[in-house]
Amino acid sequence: MSAGLIGALLGALIAAIDFAVLNMLARRVDLDETKRALRITGLVQFLLLPAVGWFAAPYVIGE
């Protein structure tokens, strides 16, 4: 398994955890705009964190 793939998988795992935490927070907020912003932020992280992990992991691991 390449370092990029490992980084992407770790990024996806972190994004999933963060998405769950942001959704729990969104349930406690009263304003609809804030709920929407928290959920959109969680979804955007599913795109960004695996991509960052793909490119950053080879530099960290040294492949």
PDB file of N, CA and C in Angstrom:
ATOM      1  N   MET A   1       0.853  -1.165   0.000  1.00  0.00           N
ATOM      2  CA  MET A   1       0.000   0.000   0.000  1.00  0.00           C
ATOM      3  C   MET A   1       0.901   1.230   0.000  1.00  0.00           C
ATOM      4  N   SER A   2       0.622   2.158  -0.878  1.00  0.00           N
ATOM      5  CA  SER A   2       1.481   3.336  -0.995  1.00  0.00           C
ATOM      6  C   SER A   2       1.195   4.343   0.117  1.00  0.00           C
ATOM      7  N   ALA A   3       2.155   5.228   0.311  1.00  0.00           N
ATOM      8  CA  ALA A   3       2.004   6.242   1.359  1.00  0.00           C
ATOM      9  C   ALA A   3       0.846   7.185   1.049  1.00  0.00           C
ATOM     10  N   GLY A   4       0.659   7.503  -0.222  1.00  0.00           N
ATOM     11  CA  GLY A   4      -0.450   8.375  -0.594  1.00  0.00           C
ATOM     12  C   GLY A   4      -1.803   7.770  -0.259  1.00  0.00           C
ATOM     13  N   LEU A   5      -1.937   6.481  -0.508  1.00  0.00           N
ATOM     14  CA  LEU A   5      -3.198   5.805  -0.205  1.00  0.00           C
ATOM     15  C   LEU A   5      -3.450   5.746   1.301  1.00  0.00           C
ATOM     16  N   ILE A   6      -2.402   5.484   2.062  1.00  0.00           N
ATOM     17  CA  ILE A   6      -2.537   5.477   3.517  1.00  0.00           C
ATOM     18  C   ILE A   6      -2.953   6.859   4.011  1.00  0.00           C
ATOM     19  N   GLY A   7      -2.343   7.905   3.473  1.00  0.00           N
ATOM     20  CA  GLY A   7      -2.707   9.270   3.860  1.00  0.00           C
ATOM     21  C   GLY A   7      -4.140   9.608   3.502  1.00  0.00           C
ATOM     22  N   ALA A   8      -4.576   9.153   2.322  1.00  0.00           N
ATOM     23  CA  ALA A   8      -5.961   9.416   1.909  1.00  0.00           C
ATOM     24  C   ALA A   8      -6.946   8.684   2.811  1.00  0.00           C
ATOM     25  N   LEU A   9      -6.622   7.455   3.189  1.00  0.00           N
ATOM     26  CA  LEU A   9      -7.506   6.705   4.086  1.00  0.00           C
ATOM     27  C   LEU A   9      -7.568   7.343   5.470  1.00  0.00           C
ATOM     28  N   LEU A  10      -6.420   7.787   5.973  1.00  0.00           N
ATOM     29  CA  LEU A  10      -6.425   8.474   7.266  1.00  0.00           C
ATOM     30  C   LEU A  10      -7.192   9.790   7.185  1.00  0.00           C
ATOM     31  N   GLY A  11      -7.054  10.508   6.080  1.00  0.00           N
ATOM     32  CA  GLY A  11      -7.812  11.741   5.894  1.00  0.00           C
ATOM     33  C   GLY A  11      -9.305  11.484   5.860  1.00  0.00           C
ATOM     34  N   ALA A  12      -9.715  10.401   5.201  1.00  0.00           N
ATOM     35  CA  ALA A  12     -11.137  10.049   5.158  1.00  0.00           C
ATOM     36  C   ALA A  12     -11.649   9.650   6.535  1.00  0.00           C
ATOM     37  N   LEU A  13     -10.825   8.950   7.299  1.00  0.00           N
ATOM     38  CA  LEU A  13     -11.212   8.564   8.657  1.00  0.00           C
ATOM     39  C   LEU A  13     -11.386   9.794   9.545  1.00  0.00           C
ATOM     40  N   ILE A  14     -10.454  10.714   9.460  1.00  0.00           N
ATOM     41  CA  ILE A  14     -10.553  11.950  10.246  1.00  0.00           C
ATOM     42  C   ILE A  14     -11.764  12.764   9.800  1.00  0.00           C
ATOM     43  N   ALA A  15     -12.024  12.800   8.491  1.00  0.00           N
ATOM     44  CA  ALA A  15     -13.190  13.531   7.986  1.00  0.00           C
ATOM     45  C   ALA A  15     -14.485  12.904   8.489  1.00  0.00           C
ATOM     46  N   ALA A  16     -14.550  11.582   8.567  1.00  0.00           N
ATOM     47  CA  ALA A  16     -15.759  10.917   9.056  1.00  0.00           C
ATOM     48  C   ALA A  16     -16.000  11.230  10.531  1.00  0.00           C
ATOM     49  N   ILE A  17     -14.935  11.213  11.308  1.00  0.00           N
ATOM     50  CA  ILE A  17     -15.064  11.537  12.734  1.00  0.00           C
ATOM     51  C   ILE A  17     -15.499  12.989  12.908  1.00  0.00           C
ATOM     52  N   ASP A  18     -14.874  13.880  12.155  1.00  0.00           N
ATOM     53  CA  ASP A  18     -15.215  15.296  12.256  1.00  0.00           C
ATOM     54  C   ASP A  18     -16.644  15.554  11.781  1.00  0.00           C
ATOM     55  N   PHE A  19     -17.074  14.843  10.736  1.00  0.00           N
ATOM     56  CA  PHE A  19     -18.445  14.976  10.247  1.00  0.00           C
ATOM     57  C   PHE A  19     -19.438  14.578  11.332  1.00  0.00           C
ATOM     58  N   ALA A  20     -19.150  13.493  12.044  1.00  0.00           N
ATOM     59  CA  ALA A  20     -20.040  13.055  13.116  1.00  0.00           C
ATOM     60  C   ALA A  20     -20.093  14.088  14.243  1.00  0.00           C
ATOM     61  N   VAL A  21     -18.944  14.642  14.601  1.00  0.00           N
ATOM     62  CA  VAL A  21     -18.896  15.646  15.670  1.00  0.00           C
ATOM     63  C   VAL A  21     -19.633  16.914  15.237  1.00  0.00           C
ATOM     64  N   LEU A  22     -19.429  17.343  14.002  1.00  0.00           N
ATOM     65  CA  LEU A  22     -20.119  18.548  13.526  1.00  0.00           C
ATOM     66  C   LEU A  22     -21.628  18.334  13.444  1.00  0.00           C
ATOM     67  N   ASN A  23     -22.076  17.142  13.081  1.00  0.00           N
ATOM     68  CA  ASN A  23     -23.516  16.871  13.054  1.00  0.00           C
ATOM     69  C   ASN A  23     -24.108  16.845  14.460  1.00  0.00           C
ATOM     70  N   MET A  24     -23.355  16.320  15.430  1.00  0.00           N
ATOM     71  CA  MET A  24     -23.833  16.366  16.816  1.00  0.00           C
ATOM     72  C   MET A  24     -23.953  17.812  17.283  1.00  0.00           C
ATOM     73  N   LEU A  25     -22.998  18.637  16.907  1.00  0.00           N
ATOM     74  CA  LEU A  25     -23.052  20.043  17.268  1.00  0.00           C
ATOM     75  C   LEU A  25     -24.208  20.742  16.556  1.00  0.00           C
ATOM     76  N   ALA A  26     -24.441  20.395  15.299  1.00  0.00           N
ATOM     77  CA  ALA A  26     -25.525  21.019  14.534  1.00  0.00           C
ATOM     78  C   ALA A  26     -26.887  20.714  15.146  1.00  0.00           C
ATOM     79  N   ARG A  27     -27.037  19.562  15.762  1.00  0.00           N
ATOM     80  CA  ARG A  27     -28.316  19.234  16.402  1.00  0.00           C
ATOM     81  C   ARG A  27     -28.592  20.102  17.620  1.00  0.00           C
ATOM     82  N   ARG A  28     -27.537  20.644  18.224  1.00  0.00           N
ATOM     83  CA  ARG A  28     -27.704  21.449  19.434  1.00  0.00           C
ATOM     84  C   ARG A  28     -27.886  22.935  19.143  1.00  0.00           C
ATOM     85  N   VAL A  29     -27.639  23.358  17.919  1.00  0.00           N
ATOM     86  CA  VAL A  29     -27.703  24.768  17.550  1.00  0.00           C
ATOM     87  C   VAL A  29     -29.125  25.122  17.142  1.00  0.00           C
ATOM     88  N   ASP A  30     -29.526  26.340  17.448  1.00  0.00           N
ATOM     89  CA  ASP A  30     -30.894  26.764  17.152  1.00  0.00           C
ATOM     90  C   ASP A  30     -31.050  27.367  15.760  1.00  0.00           C
ATOM     91  N   LEU A  31     -30.049  28.069  15.266  1.00  0.00           N
ATOM     92  CA  LEU A  31     -30.180  28.765  13.990  1.00  0.00           C
ATOM     93  C   LEU A  31     -30.010  27.808  12.812  1.00  0.00           C
ATOM     94  N   ASP A  32     -30.932  27.902  11.841  1.00  0.00           N
ATOM     95  CA  ASP A  32     -30.877  27.026  10.674  1.00  0.00           C
ATOM     96  C   ASP A  32     -29.633  27.293   9.815  1.00  0.00           C
ATOM     97  N   GLU A  33     -29.218  28.561   9.730  1.00  0.00           N
ATOM     98  CA  GLU A  33     -28.036  28.892   8.928  1.00  0.00           C
ATOM     99  C   GLU A  33     -26.780  28.253   9.515  1.00  0.00           C
ATOM    100  N   THR A  34     -26.693  28.244  10.832  1.00  0.00           N
ATOM    101  CA  THR A  34     -25.535  27.644  11.491  1.00  0.00           C
ATOM    102  C   THR A  34     -25.535  26.132  11.300  1.00  0.00           C
ATOM    103  N   LYS A  35     -26.713  25.510  11.388  1.00  0.00           N
ATOM    104  CA  LYS A  35     -26.813  24.070  11.148  1.00  0.00           C
ATOM    105  C   LYS A  35     -26.345  23.726   9.742  1.00  0.00           C
ATOM    106  N   ARG A  36     -26.798  24.503   8.774  1.00  0.00           N
ATOM    107  CA  ARG A  36     -26.426  24.265   7.382  1.00  0.00           C
ATOM    108  C   ARG A  36     -24.933  24.462   7.181  1.00  0.00           C
ATOM    109  N   ALA A  37     -24.361  25.487   7.780  1.00  0.00           N
ATOM    110  CA  ALA A  37     -22.928  25.749   7.643  1.00  0.00           C
ATOM    111  C   ALA A  37     -22.097  24.624   8.248  1.00  0.00           C
ATOM    112  N   LEU A  38     -22.511  24.096   9.397  1.00  0.00           N
ATOM    113  CA  LEU A  38     -21.784  22.998  10.024  1.00  0.00           C
ATOM    114  C   LEU A  38     -21.846  21.733   9.178  1.00  0.00           C
ATOM    115  N   ARG A  39     -22.998  21.447   8.614  1.00  0.00           N
ATOM    116  CA  ARG A  39     -23.138  20.240   7.786  1.00  0.00           C
ATOM    117  C   ARG A  39     -22.366  20.375   6.477  1.00  0.00           C
ATOM    118  N   ILE A  40     -22.391  21.543   5.872  1.00  0.00           N
ATOM    119  CA  ILE A  40     -21.623  21.757   4.641  1.00  0.00           C
ATOM    120  C   ILE A  40     -20.139  21.660   4.919  1.00  0.00           C
ATOM    121  N   THR A  41     -19.702  22.193   6.050  1.00  0.00           N
ATOM    122  CA  THR A  41     -18.296  22.089   6.424  1.00  0.00           C
ATOM    123  C   THR A  41     -17.880  20.632   6.567  1.00  0.00           C
ATOM    124  N   GLY A  42     -18.704  19.830   7.182  1.00  0.00           N
ATOM    125  CA  GLY A  42     -18.406  18.408   7.322  1.00  0.00           C
ATOM    126  C   GLY A  42     -18.325  17.695   5.990  1.00  0.00           C
ATOM    127  N   LEU A  43     -19.208  18.035   5.067  1.00  0.00           N
ATOM    128  CA  LEU A  43     -19.183  17.405   3.746  1.00  0.00           C
ATOM    129  C   LEU A  43     -17.975  17.841   2.924  1.00  0.00           C
ATOM    130  N   VAL A  44     -17.608  19.100   3.014  1.00  0.00           N
ATOM    131  CA  VAL A  44     -16.449  19.593   2.270  1.00  0.00           C
ATOM    132  C   VAL A  44     -15.172  18.916   2.758  1.00  0.00           C
ATOM    133  N   GLN A  45     -15.124  18.608   4.037  1.00  0.00           N
ATOM    134  CA  GLN A  45     -13.933  17.947   4.566  1.00  0.00           C
ATOM    135  C   GLN A  45     -13.769  16.539   4.008  1.00  0.00           C
ATOM    136  N   PHE A  46     -14.857  15.894   3.570  1.00  0.00           N
ATOM    137  CA  PHE A  46     -14.732  14.595   2.926  1.00  0.00           C
ATOM    138  C   PHE A  46     -13.998  14.704   1.590  1.00  0.00           C
ATOM    139  N   LEU A  47     -14.005  15.866   0.998  1.00  0.00           N
ATOM    140  CA  LEU A  47     -13.251  16.077  -0.244  1.00  0.00           C
ATOM    141  C   LEU A  47     -11.827  16.532   0.027  1.00  0.00           C
ATOM    142  N   LEU A  48     -11.663  17.426   0.980  1.00  0.00           N
ATOM    143  CA  LEU A  48     -10.359  18.044   1.195  1.00  0.00           C
ATOM    144  C   LEU A  48      -9.380  17.185   1.987  1.00  0.00           C
ATOM    145  N   LEU A  49      -9.809  16.585   3.070  1.00  0.00           N
ATOM    146  CA  LEU A  49      -8.870  15.855   3.924  1.00  0.00           C
ATOM    147  C   LEU A  49      -8.242  14.635   3.253  1.00  0.00           C
ATOM    148  N   PRO A  50      -8.989  13.820   2.499  1.00  0.00           N
ATOM    149  CA  PRO A  50      -8.306  12.736   1.786  1.00  0.00           C
ATOM    150  C   PRO A  50      -7.318  13.248   0.729  1.00  0.00           C
ATOM    151  N   ALA A  51      -7.651  14.352   0.065  1.00  0.00           N
ATOM    152  CA  ALA A  51      -6.732  14.912  -0.930  1.00  0.00           C
ATOM    153  C   ALA A  51      -5.459  15.436  -0.270  1.00  0.00           C
ATOM    154  N   VAL A  52      -5.601  16.097   0.851  1.00  0.00           N
ATOM    155  CA  VAL A  52      -4.430  16.591   1.581  1.00  0.00           C
ATOM    156  C   VAL A  52      -3.601  15.411   2.082  1.00  0.00           C
ATOM    157  N   GLY A  53      -4.254  14.379   2.583  1.00  0.00           N
ATOM    158  CA  GLY A  53      -3.545  13.195   3.047  1.00  0.00           C
ATOM    159  C   GLY A  53      -2.798  12.497   1.924  1.00  0.00           C
ATOM    160  N   TRP A  54      -3.396  12.461   0.738  1.00  0.00           N
ATOM    161  CA  TRP A  54      -2.762  11.828  -0.423  1.00  0.00           C
ATOM    162  C   TRP A  54      -1.436  12.511  -0.766  1.00  0.00           C
ATOM    163  N   PHE A  55      -1.423  13.841  -0.713  1.00  0.00           N
ATOM    164  CA  PHE A  55      -0.217  14.575  -1.094  1.00  0.00           C
ATOM    165  C   PHE A  55       0.763  14.764   0.063  1.00  0.00           C
ATOM    166  N   ALA A  56       0.271  14.823   1.292  1.00  0.00           N
ATOM    167  CA  ALA A  56       1.153  15.098   2.431  1.00  0.00           C
ATOM    168  C   ALA A  56       1.834  13.847   2.980  1.00  0.00           C
ATOM    169  N   ALA A  57       1.193  12.705   2.908  1.00  0.00           N
ATOM    170  CA  ALA A  57       1.731  11.480   3.500  1.00  0.00           C
ATOM    171  C   ALA A  57       3.102  11.085   2.922  1.00  0.00           C
ATOM    172  N   PRO A  58       3.313  11.155   1.623  1.00  0.00           N
ATOM    173  CA  PRO A  58       4.641  10.789   1.120  1.00  0.00           C
ATOM    174  C   PRO A  58       5.757  11.686   1.673  1.00  0.00           C
ATOM    175  N   TYR A  59       5.450  12.925   1.945  1.00  0.00           N
ATOM    176  CA  TYR A  59       6.449  13.818   2.523  1.00  0.00           C
ATOM    177  C   TYR A  59       6.725  13.486   3.986  1.00  0.00           C
ATOM    178  N   VAL A  60       5.672  13.083   4.698  1.00  0.00           N
ATOM    179  CA  VAL A  60       5.822  12.764   6.120  1.00  0.00           C
ATOM    180  C   VAL A  60       6.508  11.401   6.294  1.00  0.00           C
ATOM    181  N   ILE A  61       6.077  10.423   5.519  1.00  0.00           N
ATOM    182  CA  ILE A  61       6.624   9.080   5.651  1.00  0.00           C
ATOM    183  C   ILE A  61       7.995   8.987   4.997  1.00  0.00           C
ATOM    184  N   GLY A  62       8.192   9.755   3.958  1.00  0.00           N
ATOM    185  CA  GLY A  62       9.509   9.770   3.306  1.00  0.00           C
ATOM    186  C   GLY A  62       9.636   8.773   2.177  1.00  0.00           C
ATOM    187  N   GLU A  63       8.594   8.590   1.439  1.00  0.00           N
ATOM    188  CA  GLU A  63       8.618   7.646   0.323  1.00  0.00           C
ATOM    189  C   GLU A  63       9.203   8.255  -0.921  1.00  0.00           C
TER     190      GLU A  63
END
